[in-house]
Amino acid sequence: MIKVTFKPWDEVVIHESMYYSFEDLLKLVSLGVQPGGLTQPLQWTEGVAFLAVGMPPTDEVIKEQLLGKIHWASLAWALMPKYVGFIPIKDINAKIPIVDVSKNTVFCTVVKALKEQLGT
């Protein structure tokens, strides 16, 4: 019989957290997007839109992951009070997809810590 084990992450280490205005975060993710195209999606939960970039899968990073620790090289984020499925970029006729990840406990915990940094 196959055993199935669920082991949630124990820790998220964010090596660089960059807070932006919402408009600047949209500019950041839309850089280099072709007219009519889609950008990389942003994730959203509890009033925050963000883009997390993981560390390259080196032996050391994989070892840490197996021990329950996630390393993010960077996290770009902004306050976005209301969820919408996408944001249009009118000047290039493109879209920024927004994914609601509010059911993910890791993302909710990270967003709570980010908001505490801002004092909100």
N, C-alpha and C. Protein backbone atom coordinates (compact mmCIF):
# COMPACT_ATOMS: atom_id res chain seq x y z
N MET A 1 0.84 -1.19 0.00
CA MET A 1 0.00 0.00 0.00
C MET A 1 0.89 1.25 0.00
N ILE A 2 0.45 2.27 -0.71
CA ILE A 2 1.19 3.53 -0.80
C ILE A 2 0.81 4.42 0.37
N LYS A 3 1.82 5.02 0.97
CA LYS A 3 1.60 5.95 2.07
C LYS A 3 1.62 7.38 1.50
N VAL A 4 0.67 8.18 1.89
CA VAL A 4 0.62 9.59 1.49
C VAL A 4 0.86 10.43 2.73
N THR A 5 1.84 11.34 2.63
CA THR A 5 2.18 12.20 3.77
C THR A 5 2.07 13.66 3.35
N PHE A 6 1.42 14.45 4.16
CA PHE A 6 1.36 15.89 3.96
C PHE A 6 2.27 16.54 5.00
N LYS A 7 3.25 17.30 4.56
CA LYS A 7 4.15 17.98 5.48
C LYS A 7 4.25 19.44 5.08
N PRO A 8 3.50 20.31 5.76
CA PRO A 8 3.54 21.74 5.43
C PRO A 8 4.94 22.31 5.66
N TRP A 9 5.22 23.41 4.98
CA TRP A 9 6.48 24.11 5.18
C TRP A 9 6.57 24.62 6.61
N ASP A 10 7.78 24.62 7.15
CA ASP A 10 8.01 25.13 8.50
C ASP A 10 8.41 26.60 8.52
N GLU A 11 9.05 27.06 7.43
CA GLU A 11 9.60 28.41 7.42
C GLU A 11 9.72 28.92 5.99
N VAL A 12 9.48 30.22 5.83
CA VAL A 12 9.72 30.89 4.56
C VAL A 12 10.77 31.96 4.83
N VAL A 13 11.87 31.90 4.09
CA VAL A 13 12.94 32.89 4.22
C VAL A 13 12.89 33.77 2.97
N ILE A 14 12.63 35.06 3.19
CA ILE A 14 12.56 36.02 2.09
C ILE A 14 13.84 36.84 2.13
N HIS A 15 14.67 36.68 1.12
CA HIS A 15 15.96 37.34 1.11
C HIS A 15 15.88 38.81 0.72
N GLU A 16 14.90 39.19 -0.07
CA GLU A 16 14.71 40.59 -0.43
C GLU A 16 13.23 40.86 -0.61
N SER A 17 12.70 41.75 0.22
CA SER A 17 11.29 42.15 0.15
C SER A 17 11.23 43.57 -0.37
N MET A 18 10.51 43.75 -1.49
CA MET A 18 10.42 45.07 -2.11
C MET A 18 8.96 45.52 -2.15
N TYR A 19 8.64 46.54 -1.39
CA TYR A 19 7.30 47.10 -1.36
C TYR A 19 7.19 48.20 -2.41
N TYR A 20 6.15 48.12 -3.23
CA TYR A 20 5.90 49.08 -4.30
C TYR A 20 4.52 49.69 -4.15
N SER A 21 4.31 50.82 -4.79
CA SER A 21 2.93 51.28 -4.98
C SER A 21 2.32 50.27 -5.96
N PHE A 22 1.02 50.17 -5.96
CA PHE A 22 0.36 49.22 -6.86
C PHE A 22 0.68 49.54 -8.31
N GLU A 23 0.68 50.82 -8.66
CA GLU A 23 0.97 51.22 -10.03
C GLU A 23 2.39 50.81 -10.43
N ASP A 24 3.36 50.98 -9.53
CA ASP A 24 4.74 50.61 -9.84
C ASP A 24 4.91 49.09 -9.96
N LEU A 25 4.18 48.32 -9.16
CA LEU A 25 4.23 46.86 -9.29
C LEU A 25 3.70 46.44 -10.66
N LEU A 26 2.63 47.07 -11.11
CA LEU A 26 2.09 46.77 -12.44
C LEU A 26 3.09 47.11 -13.53
N LYS A 27 3.78 48.24 -13.39
CA LYS A 27 4.82 48.60 -14.36
C LYS A 27 5.93 47.56 -14.37
N LEU A 28 6.33 47.12 -13.19
CA LEU A 28 7.41 46.14 -13.06
C LEU A 28 7.09 44.85 -13.79
N VAL A 29 5.88 44.31 -13.59
CA VAL A 29 5.55 43.03 -14.22
C VAL A 29 5.20 43.16 -15.69
N SER A 30 4.95 44.39 -16.15
CA SER A 30 4.60 44.56 -17.56
C SER A 30 5.79 44.95 -18.44
N LEU A 31 6.97 45.10 -17.85
CA LEU A 31 8.16 45.43 -18.64
C LEU A 31 8.44 44.35 -19.68
N GLY A 32 8.61 44.76 -20.90
CA GLY A 32 8.98 43.83 -21.97
C GLY A 32 7.85 43.00 -22.53
N VAL A 33 6.63 43.22 -22.10
CA VAL A 33 5.49 42.45 -22.61
C VAL A 33 5.12 42.95 -23.99
N GLN A 34 4.91 42.04 -24.90
CA GLN A 34 4.55 42.39 -26.27
C GLN A 34 3.11 42.91 -26.31
N PRO A 35 2.81 43.84 -27.21
CA PRO A 35 1.43 44.32 -27.36
C PRO A 35 0.47 43.15 -27.57
N GLY A 36 -0.62 43.18 -26.83
CA GLY A 36 -1.63 42.12 -26.91
C GLY A 36 -1.30 40.90 -26.08
N GLY A 37 -0.20 40.91 -25.35
CA GLY A 37 0.24 39.73 -24.61
C GLY A 37 -0.22 39.69 -23.16
N LEU A 38 0.23 38.65 -22.48
CA LEU A 38 -0.02 38.47 -21.05
C LEU A 38 1.30 38.57 -20.30
N THR A 39 1.27 39.18 -19.14
CA THR A 39 2.46 39.23 -18.30
C THR A 39 2.51 37.97 -17.44
N GLN A 40 3.58 37.87 -16.70
CA GLN A 40 3.63 36.83 -15.66
C GLN A 40 2.53 37.17 -14.66
N PRO A 41 1.81 36.16 -14.14
CA PRO A 41 0.72 36.48 -13.22
C PRO A 41 1.22 36.96 -11.87
N LEU A 42 0.43 37.84 -11.27
CA LEU A 42 0.63 38.20 -9.87
C LEU A 42 -0.26 37.30 -9.03
N GLN A 43 0.13 37.10 -7.79
CA GLN A 43 -0.71 36.36 -6.86
C GLN A 43 -1.33 37.36 -5.91
N TRP A 44 -2.51 37.03 -5.38
CA TRP A 44 -3.23 37.94 -4.50
C TRP A 44 -3.82 37.17 -3.33
N THR A 45 -3.71 37.76 -2.16
CA THR A 45 -4.43 37.28 -0.98
C THR A 45 -4.52 38.40 0.04
N GLU A 46 -5.64 38.46 0.70
CA GLU A 46 -5.87 39.36 1.84
C GLU A 46 -5.40 40.79 1.59
N GLY A 47 -5.71 41.31 0.39
CA GLY A 47 -5.42 42.70 0.09
C GLY A 47 -4.02 43.01 -0.38
N VAL A 48 -3.25 41.98 -0.75
CA VAL A 48 -1.88 42.19 -1.22
C VAL A 48 -1.68 41.42 -2.52
N ALA A 49 -1.09 42.11 -3.52
CA ALA A 49 -0.67 41.47 -4.77
C ALA A 49 0.84 41.30 -4.68
N PHE A 50 1.35 40.16 -5.15
CA PHE A 50 2.78 39.91 -5.01
C PHE A 50 3.31 38.97 -6.08
N LEU A 51 4.63 39.00 -6.21
CA LEU A 51 5.35 38.13 -7.12
C LEU A 51 6.57 37.61 -6.36
N ALA A 52 6.58 36.32 -6.08
CA ALA A 52 7.70 35.70 -5.36
C ALA A 52 8.60 34.98 -6.36
N VAL A 53 9.91 35.15 -6.19
CA VAL A 53 10.88 34.48 -7.04
C VAL A 53 11.71 33.55 -6.16
N GLY A 54 11.63 32.28 -6.46
CA GLY A 54 12.36 31.29 -5.67
C GLY A 54 13.84 31.28 -5.96
N MET A 55 14.59 30.65 -5.07
CA MET A 55 16.03 30.50 -5.27
C MET A 55 16.27 29.39 -6.29
N PRO A 56 17.38 29.46 -7.01
CA PRO A 56 17.72 28.37 -7.94
C PRO A 56 17.86 27.05 -7.17
N PRO A 57 17.48 25.94 -7.78
CA PRO A 57 17.48 24.65 -7.07
C PRO A 57 18.89 24.05 -6.93
N THR A 58 19.72 24.70 -6.13
CA THR A 58 21.06 24.16 -5.85
C THR A 58 20.93 23.03 -4.84
N ASP A 59 21.99 22.29 -4.66
CA ASP A 59 21.98 21.20 -3.67
C ASP A 59 21.60 21.72 -2.30
N GLU A 60 22.16 22.88 -1.91
CA GLU A 60 21.88 23.45 -0.59
C GLU A 60 20.42 23.87 -0.44
N VAL A 61 19.85 24.49 -1.48
CA VAL A 61 18.45 24.92 -1.43
C VAL A 61 17.53 23.70 -1.36
N ILE A 62 17.81 22.70 -2.13
CA ILE A 62 16.99 21.48 -2.10
C ILE A 62 17.07 20.81 -0.73
N LYS A 63 18.25 20.79 -0.15
CA LYS A 63 18.42 20.22 1.19
C LYS A 63 17.56 20.98 2.21
N GLU A 64 17.59 22.32 2.11
CA GLU A 64 16.76 23.14 3.01
C GLU A 64 15.27 22.86 2.79
N GLN A 65 14.86 22.74 1.53
CA GLN A 65 13.46 22.46 1.23
C GLN A 65 13.02 21.13 1.84
N LEU A 66 13.89 20.13 1.74
CA LEU A 66 13.54 18.83 2.32
C LEU A 66 13.41 18.90 3.84
N LEU A 67 14.05 19.90 4.44
CA LEU A 67 13.93 20.12 5.88
C LEU A 67 12.76 21.04 6.23
N GLY A 68 12.01 21.51 5.20
CA GLY A 68 10.81 22.30 5.45
C GLY A 68 10.98 23.80 5.32
N LYS A 69 12.10 24.26 4.75
CA LYS A 69 12.37 25.69 4.65
C LYS A 69 12.37 26.13 3.19
N ILE A 70 11.50 27.10 2.86
CA ILE A 70 11.44 27.68 1.52
C ILE A 70 12.32 28.92 1.50
N HIS A 71 13.11 29.09 0.44
CA HIS A 71 13.89 30.31 0.26
C HIS A 71 13.38 31.03 -0.98
N TRP A 72 12.97 32.29 -0.79
CA TRP A 72 12.60 33.14 -1.90
C TRP A 72 13.71 34.17 -2.09
N ALA A 73 14.25 34.27 -3.30
CA ALA A 73 15.29 35.25 -3.58
C ALA A 73 14.73 36.66 -3.43
N SER A 74 13.49 36.86 -3.90
CA SER A 74 12.88 38.18 -3.79
C SER A 74 11.37 38.07 -3.76
N LEU A 75 10.77 39.09 -3.20
CA LEU A 75 9.31 39.20 -3.14
C LEU A 75 8.96 40.65 -3.44
N ALA A 76 8.30 40.88 -4.57
CA ALA A 76 7.80 42.21 -4.93
C ALA A 76 6.32 42.24 -4.58
N TRP A 77 5.88 43.28 -3.88
CA TRP A 77 4.50 43.28 -3.43
C TRP A 77 3.95 44.70 -3.29
N ALA A 78 2.61 44.76 -3.31
CA ALA A 78 1.90 46.03 -3.19
C ALA A 78 0.52 45.77 -2.60
N LEU A 79 -0.02 46.78 -1.96
CA LEU A 79 -1.39 46.67 -1.47
C LEU A 79 -2.36 46.73 -2.65
N MET A 80 -3.32 45.82 -2.63
CA MET A 80 -4.38 45.76 -3.66
C MET A 80 -5.64 45.33 -2.92
N PRO A 81 -6.39 46.28 -2.38
CA PRO A 81 -7.50 45.95 -1.49
C PRO A 81 -8.55 44.99 -2.05
N LYS A 82 -8.92 45.15 -3.33
CA LYS A 82 -9.96 44.30 -3.91
C LYS A 82 -9.37 43.39 -4.97
N TYR A 83 -9.80 42.14 -4.96
CA TYR A 83 -9.34 41.18 -5.96
C TYR A 83 -10.06 41.39 -7.29
N VAL A 84 -9.30 41.34 -8.37
CA VAL A 84 -9.84 41.27 -9.73
C VAL A 84 -9.02 40.22 -10.47
N GLY A 85 -9.60 39.58 -11.45
CA GLY A 85 -8.94 38.50 -12.17
C GLY A 85 -7.82 38.91 -13.10
N PHE A 86 -7.87 40.15 -13.56
CA PHE A 86 -6.78 40.66 -14.41
C PHE A 86 -6.83 42.18 -14.41
N ILE A 87 -5.69 42.77 -14.76
CA ILE A 87 -5.59 44.22 -14.89
C ILE A 87 -5.20 44.51 -16.34
N PRO A 88 -5.97 45.32 -17.05
CA PRO A 88 -5.60 45.67 -18.42
C PRO A 88 -4.49 46.73 -18.44
N ILE A 89 -3.60 46.61 -19.40
CA ILE A 89 -2.57 47.63 -19.65
C ILE A 89 -2.95 48.27 -20.97
N LYS A 90 -3.63 49.38 -20.90
CA LYS A 90 -4.25 49.98 -22.08
C LYS A 90 -3.25 50.39 -23.15
N ASP A 91 -2.11 50.99 -22.75
CA ASP A 91 -1.21 51.52 -23.77
C ASP A 91 -0.58 50.45 -24.66
N ILE A 92 -0.54 49.18 -24.20
CA ILE A 92 -0.01 48.11 -25.07
C ILE A 92 -1.05 47.00 -25.30
N ASN A 93 -2.29 47.25 -24.87
CA ASN A 93 -3.37 46.28 -25.06
C ASN A 93 -2.98 44.90 -24.53
N ALA A 94 -2.42 44.86 -23.32
CA ALA A 94 -2.01 43.60 -22.69
C ALA A 94 -2.77 43.43 -21.37
N LYS A 95 -2.57 42.28 -20.72
CA LYS A 95 -3.25 42.00 -19.46
C LYS A 95 -2.26 41.43 -18.45
N ILE A 96 -2.51 41.78 -17.19
CA ILE A 96 -1.78 41.18 -16.08
C ILE A 96 -2.75 40.25 -15.35
N PRO A 97 -2.56 38.94 -15.46
CA PRO A 97 -3.44 38.02 -14.73
C PRO A 97 -3.17 38.11 -13.23
N ILE A 98 -4.22 38.01 -12.43
CA ILE A 98 -4.11 38.00 -10.98
C ILE A 98 -4.74 36.70 -10.49
N VAL A 99 -3.98 35.92 -9.72
CA VAL A 99 -4.45 34.63 -9.24
C VAL A 99 -4.77 34.75 -7.74
N ASP A 100 -5.99 34.39 -7.37
CA ASP A 100 -6.40 34.41 -5.96
C ASP A 100 -5.84 33.17 -5.26
N VAL A 101 -4.89 33.38 -4.36
CA VAL A 101 -4.26 32.26 -3.64
C VAL A 101 -4.63 32.30 -2.16
N SER A 102 -5.80 32.87 -1.85
CA SER A 102 -6.18 33.09 -0.46
C SER A 102 -6.49 31.81 0.31
N LYS A 103 -6.51 30.68 -0.36
CA LYS A 103 -6.71 29.41 0.35
C LYS A 103 -5.37 28.77 0.74
N ASN A 104 -4.26 29.39 0.33
CA ASN A 104 -2.93 28.85 0.62
C ASN A 104 -2.43 29.44 1.94
N THR A 105 -2.23 28.59 2.95
CA THR A 105 -1.84 29.08 4.27
C THR A 105 -0.45 29.71 4.28
N VAL A 106 0.46 29.22 3.45
CA VAL A 106 1.81 29.82 3.39
C VAL A 106 1.70 31.26 2.91
N PHE A 107 0.98 31.49 1.81
CA PHE A 107 0.86 32.85 1.28
C PHE A 107 0.12 33.76 2.26
N CYS A 108 -0.92 33.26 2.91
CA CYS A 108 -1.66 34.07 3.88
C CYS A 108 -0.76 34.47 5.05
N THR A 109 0.08 33.55 5.50
CA THR A 109 0.99 33.84 6.61
C THR A 109 2.04 34.87 6.19
N VAL A 110 2.57 34.75 4.98
CA VAL A 110 3.55 35.71 4.48
C VAL A 110 2.92 37.09 4.38
N VAL A 111 1.71 37.17 3.83
CA VAL A 111 1.04 38.46 3.67
C VAL A 111 0.76 39.10 5.03
N LYS A 112 0.40 38.31 6.00
CA LYS A 112 0.18 38.84 7.35
C LYS A 112 1.47 39.48 7.88
N ALA A 113 2.61 38.82 7.68
CA ALA A 113 3.90 39.36 8.12
C ALA A 113 4.24 40.64 7.35
N LEU A 114 3.94 40.69 6.05
CA LEU A 114 4.21 41.89 5.26
C LEU A 114 3.39 43.07 5.77
N LYS A 115 2.12 42.83 6.05
CA LYS A 115 1.26 43.89 6.54
C LYS A 115 1.72 44.38 7.91
N GLU A 116 2.23 43.49 8.73
CA GLU A 116 2.77 43.89 10.03
C GLU A 116 3.97 44.82 9.85
N GLN A 117 4.79 44.59 8.83
CA GLN A 117 5.92 45.47 8.54
C GLN A 117 5.45 46.88 8.23
N LEU A 118 4.30 46.97 7.54
CA LEU A 118 3.75 48.29 7.17
C LEU A 118 2.98 48.93 8.32
N GLY A 119 2.61 48.12 9.29
CA GLY A 119 1.80 48.63 10.38
C GLY A 119 0.33 48.69 10.05
N THR A 120 -0.10 47.85 9.07
CA THR A 120 -1.53 47.85 8.71
C THR A 120 -2.23 46.64 9.29
